[in-house]
């Protein structure tokens, strides 16, 4: 993410999930609510 998108997330109280895209089904697991990666709030 660039600086602008980080600032926009901060200003609008949007959490950011950082995860390894090389892990199979990581995004699917996140959507299902599993704890994958790091949640920055």
PDB file of N, CA and C in Angstrom:
ATOM      1  N   UNK A   1       0.840  -1.180   0.000  1.00  0.00           N
ATOM      2  CA  UNK A   1       0.000   0.000   0.000  1.00  0.00           C
ATOM      3  C   UNK A   1       0.883   1.241   0.000  1.00  0.00           C
ATOM      4  N   UNK A   2       0.386   2.251  -0.662  1.00  0.00           N
ATOM      5  CA  UNK A   2       1.118   3.510  -0.653  1.00  0.00           C
ATOM      6  C   UNK A   2       0.671   4.370   0.534  1.00  0.00           C
ATOM      7  N   UNK A   3       1.368   5.442   0.745  1.00  0.00           N
ATOM      8  CA  UNK A   3       1.106   6.309   1.892  1.00  0.00           C
ATOM      9  C   UNK A   3      -0.310   6.872   1.869  1.00  0.00           C
ATOM     10  N   UNK A   4      -0.786   7.247   0.695  1.00  0.00           N
ATOM     11  CA  UNK A   4      -2.123   7.826   0.588  1.00  0.00           C
ATOM     12  C   UNK A   4      -3.191   6.843   1.039  1.00  0.00           C
ATOM     13  N   UNK A   5      -3.101   5.602   0.615  1.00  0.00           N
ATOM     14  CA  UNK A   5      -4.113   4.618   1.002  1.00  0.00           C
ATOM     15  C   UNK A   5      -4.048   4.307   2.494  1.00  0.00           C
ATOM     16  N   UNK A   6      -2.866   4.303   3.067  1.00  0.00           N
ATOM     17  CA  UNK A   6      -2.733   4.083   4.511  1.00  0.00           C
ATOM     18  C   UNK A   6      -3.379   5.232   5.280  1.00  0.00           C
ATOM     19  N   UNK A   7      -3.134   6.468   4.841  1.00  0.00           N
ATOM     20  CA  UNK A   7      -3.728   7.636   5.497  1.00  0.00           C
ATOM     21  C   UNK A   7      -5.245   7.610   5.362  1.00  0.00           C
ATOM     22  N   UNK A   8      -5.758   7.235   4.195  1.00  0.00           N
ATOM     23  CA  UNK A   8      -7.205   7.170   4.000  1.00  0.00           C
ATOM     24  C   UNK A   8      -7.838   6.126   4.916  1.00  0.00           C
ATOM     25  N   UNK A   9      -7.196   4.982   5.068  1.00  0.00           N
ATOM     26  CA  UNK A   9      -7.704   3.950   5.980  1.00  0.00           C
ATOM     27  C   UNK A   9      -7.692   4.461   7.415  1.00  0.00           C
ATOM     28  N   UNK A  10      -6.616   5.119   7.798  1.00  0.00           N
ATOM     29  CA  UNK A  10      -6.514   5.668   9.157  1.00  0.00           C
ATOM     30  C   UNK A  10      -7.596   6.710   9.404  1.00  0.00           C
ATOM     31  N   UNK A  11      -7.763   7.635   8.480  1.00  0.00           N
ATOM     32  CA  UNK A  11      -8.724   8.725   8.661  1.00  0.00           C
ATOM     33  C   UNK A  11     -10.165   8.230   8.693  1.00  0.00           C
ATOM     34  N   UNK A  12     -10.439   7.104   8.049  1.00  0.00           N
ATOM     35  CA  UNK A  12     -11.799   6.571   7.988  1.00  0.00           C
ATOM     36  C   UNK A  12     -11.999   5.355   8.886  1.00  0.00           C
ATOM     37  N   UNK A  13     -11.044   5.127   9.788  1.00  0.00           N
ATOM     38  CA  UNK A  13     -11.128   4.021  10.756  1.00  0.00           C
ATOM     39  C   UNK A  13     -11.355   2.667  10.091  1.00  0.00           C
ATOM     40  N   UNK A  14     -10.658   2.424   8.985  1.00  0.00           N
ATOM     41  CA  UNK A  14     -10.762   1.152   8.280  1.00  0.00           C
ATOM     42  C   UNK A  14      -9.589   0.253   8.668  1.00  0.00           C
ATOM     43  N   UNK A  15      -9.871  -0.964   9.107  1.00  0.00           N
ATOM     44  CA  UNK A  15      -8.777  -1.878   9.437  1.00  0.00           C
ATOM     45  C   UNK A  15      -8.092  -2.378   8.167  1.00  0.00           C
ATOM     46  N   UNK A  16      -6.834  -2.748   8.293  1.00  0.00           N
ATOM     47  CA  UNK A  16      -6.058  -3.274   7.169  1.00  0.00           C
ATOM     48  C   UNK A  16      -5.547  -4.655   7.563  1.00  0.00           C
ATOM     49  N   UNK A  17      -5.761  -5.636   6.701  1.00  0.00           N
ATOM     50  CA  UNK A  17      -5.279  -6.993   6.947  1.00  0.00           C
ATOM     51  C   UNK A  17      -4.047  -7.215   6.078  1.00  0.00           C
ATOM     52  N   UNK A  18      -2.929  -7.568   6.698  1.00  0.00           N
ATOM     53  CA  UNK A  18      -1.688  -7.863   5.986  1.00  0.00           C
ATOM     54  C   UNK A  18      -1.482  -9.366   6.050  1.00  0.00           C
ATOM     55  N   UNK A  19      -1.344  -9.999   4.869  1.00  0.00           N
ATOM     56  CA  UNK A  19      -1.194 -11.449   4.833  1.00  0.00           C
ATOM     57  C   UNK A  19      -0.311 -11.857   3.663  1.00  0.00           C
ATOM     58  N   UNK A  20       0.152 -13.082   3.710  1.00  0.00           N
ATOM     59  CA  UNK A  20       1.015 -13.637   2.664  1.00  0.00           C
ATOM     60  C   UNK A  20       0.143 -14.217   1.555  1.00  0.00           C
ATOM     61  N   UNK A  21       0.179 -13.601   0.385  1.00  0.00           N
ATOM     62  CA  UNK A  21      -0.638 -14.070  -0.736  1.00  0.00           C
ATOM     63  C   UNK A  21      -0.173 -15.418  -1.273  1.00  0.00           C
ATOM     64  N   UNK A  22       1.024 -15.857  -0.892  1.00  0.00           N
ATOM     65  CA  UNK A  22       1.536 -17.138  -1.368  1.00  0.00           C
ATOM     66  C   UNK A  22       0.990 -18.324  -0.584  1.00  0.00           C
ATOM     67  N   UNK A  23       0.309 -18.070   0.524  1.00  0.00           N
ATOM     68  CA  UNK A  23      -0.315 -19.151   1.291  1.00  0.00           C
ATOM     69  C   UNK A  23      -1.603 -19.549   0.575  1.00  0.00           C
ATOM     70  N   UNK A  24      -1.745 -20.831   0.239  1.00  0.00           N
ATOM     71  CA  UNK A  24      -2.954 -21.268  -0.467  1.00  0.00           C
ATOM     72  C   UNK A  24      -4.223 -20.951   0.335  1.00  0.00           C
ATOM     73  N   UNK A  25      -5.220 -20.417  -0.340  1.00  0.00           N
ATOM     74  CA  UNK A  25      -6.541 -20.119   0.223  1.00  0.00           C
ATOM     75  C   UNK A  25      -6.518 -19.077   1.338  1.00  0.00           C
ATOM     76  N   UNK A  26      -5.475 -18.264   1.431  1.00  0.00           N
ATOM     77  CA  UNK A  26      -5.380 -17.277   2.512  1.00  0.00           C
ATOM     78  C   UNK A  26      -6.536 -16.277   2.458  1.00  0.00           C
ATOM     79  N   UNK A  27      -6.831 -15.747   1.296  1.00  0.00           N
ATOM     80  CA  UNK A  27      -7.913 -14.771   1.182  1.00  0.00           C
ATOM     81  C   UNK A  27      -9.253 -15.411   1.518  1.00  0.00           C
ATOM     82  N   UNK A  28      -9.479 -16.627   1.067  1.00  0.00           N
ATOM     83  CA  UNK A  28     -10.711 -17.358   1.373  1.00  0.00           C
ATOM     84  C   UNK A  28     -10.864 -17.528   2.880  1.00  0.00           C
ATOM     85  N   UNK A  29      -9.772 -17.858   3.556  1.00  0.00           N
ATOM     86  CA  UNK A  29      -9.806 -18.027   5.012  1.00  0.00           C
ATOM     87  C   UNK A  29     -10.121 -16.706   5.709  1.00  0.00           C
ATOM     88  N   UNK A  30      -9.571 -15.613   5.215  1.00  0.00           N
ATOM     89  CA  UNK A  30      -9.849 -14.298   5.795  1.00  0.00           C
ATOM     90  C   UNK A  30     -11.326 -13.961   5.639  1.00  0.00           C
ATOM     91  N   UNK A  31     -11.875 -14.214   4.459  1.00  0.00           N
ATOM     92  CA  UNK A  31     -13.288 -13.932   4.206  1.00  0.00           C
ATOM     93  C   UNK A  31     -14.171 -14.763   5.133  1.00  0.00           C
ATOM     94  N   UNK A  32     -13.750 -15.985   5.429  1.00  0.00           N
ATOM     95  CA  UNK A  32     -14.512 -16.858   6.336  1.00  0.00           C
ATOM     96  C   UNK A  32     -14.346 -16.461   7.794  1.00  0.00           C
ATOM     97  N   UNK A  33     -13.486 -15.494   8.074  1.00  0.00           N
ATOM     98  CA  UNK A  33     -13.325 -15.007   9.433  1.00  0.00           C
ATOM     99  C   UNK A  33     -12.177 -15.625  10.201  1.00  0.00           C
ATOM    100  N   UNK A  34     -11.367 -16.449   9.536  1.00  0.00           N
ATOM    101  CA  UNK A  34     -10.226 -17.060  10.208  1.00  0.00           C
ATOM    102  C   UNK A  34      -9.128 -16.023  10.426  1.00  0.00           C
ATOM    103  N   UNK A  35      -8.319 -16.251  11.443  1.00  0.00           N
ATOM    104  CA  UNK A  35      -7.261 -15.316  11.802  1.00  0.00           C
ATOM    105  C   UNK A  35      -6.009 -15.621  10.983  1.00  0.00           C
ATOM    106  N   UNK A  36      -5.877 -14.940   9.848  1.00  0.00           N
ATOM    107  CA  UNK A  36      -4.732 -15.120   8.959  1.00  0.00           C
ATOM    108  C   UNK A  36      -4.020 -13.777   8.845  1.00  0.00           C
ATOM    109  N   UNK A  37      -2.727 -13.775   9.004  1.00  0.00           N
ATOM    110  CA  UNK A  37      -1.962 -12.539   8.875  1.00  0.00           C
ATOM    111  C   UNK A  37      -2.096 -11.644  10.088  1.00  0.00           C
ATOM    112  N   UNK A  38      -1.938 -10.351   9.853  1.00  0.00           N
ATOM    113  CA  UNK A  38      -1.972  -9.358  10.922  1.00  0.00           C
ATOM    114  C   UNK A  38      -3.050  -8.328  10.626  1.00  0.00           C
ATOM    115  N   UNK A  39      -3.873  -8.052  11.609  1.00  0.00           N
ATOM    116  CA  UNK A  39      -4.910  -7.033  11.467  1.00  0.00           C
ATOM    117  C   UNK A  39      -4.413  -5.746  12.116  1.00  0.00           C
ATOM    118  N   UNK A  40      -4.348  -4.693  11.320  1.00  0.00           N
ATOM    119  CA  UNK A  40      -3.927  -3.384  11.815  1.00  0.00           C
ATOM    120  C   UNK A  40      -5.178  -2.522  11.926  1.00  0.00           C
ATOM    121  N   UNK A  41      -5.477  -2.120  13.144  1.00  0.00           N
ATOM    122  CA  UNK A  41      -6.696  -1.315  13.340  1.00  0.00           C
ATOM    123  C   UNK A  41      -6.382   0.025  13.964  1.00  0.00           C
TER     124      UNK A  41
END
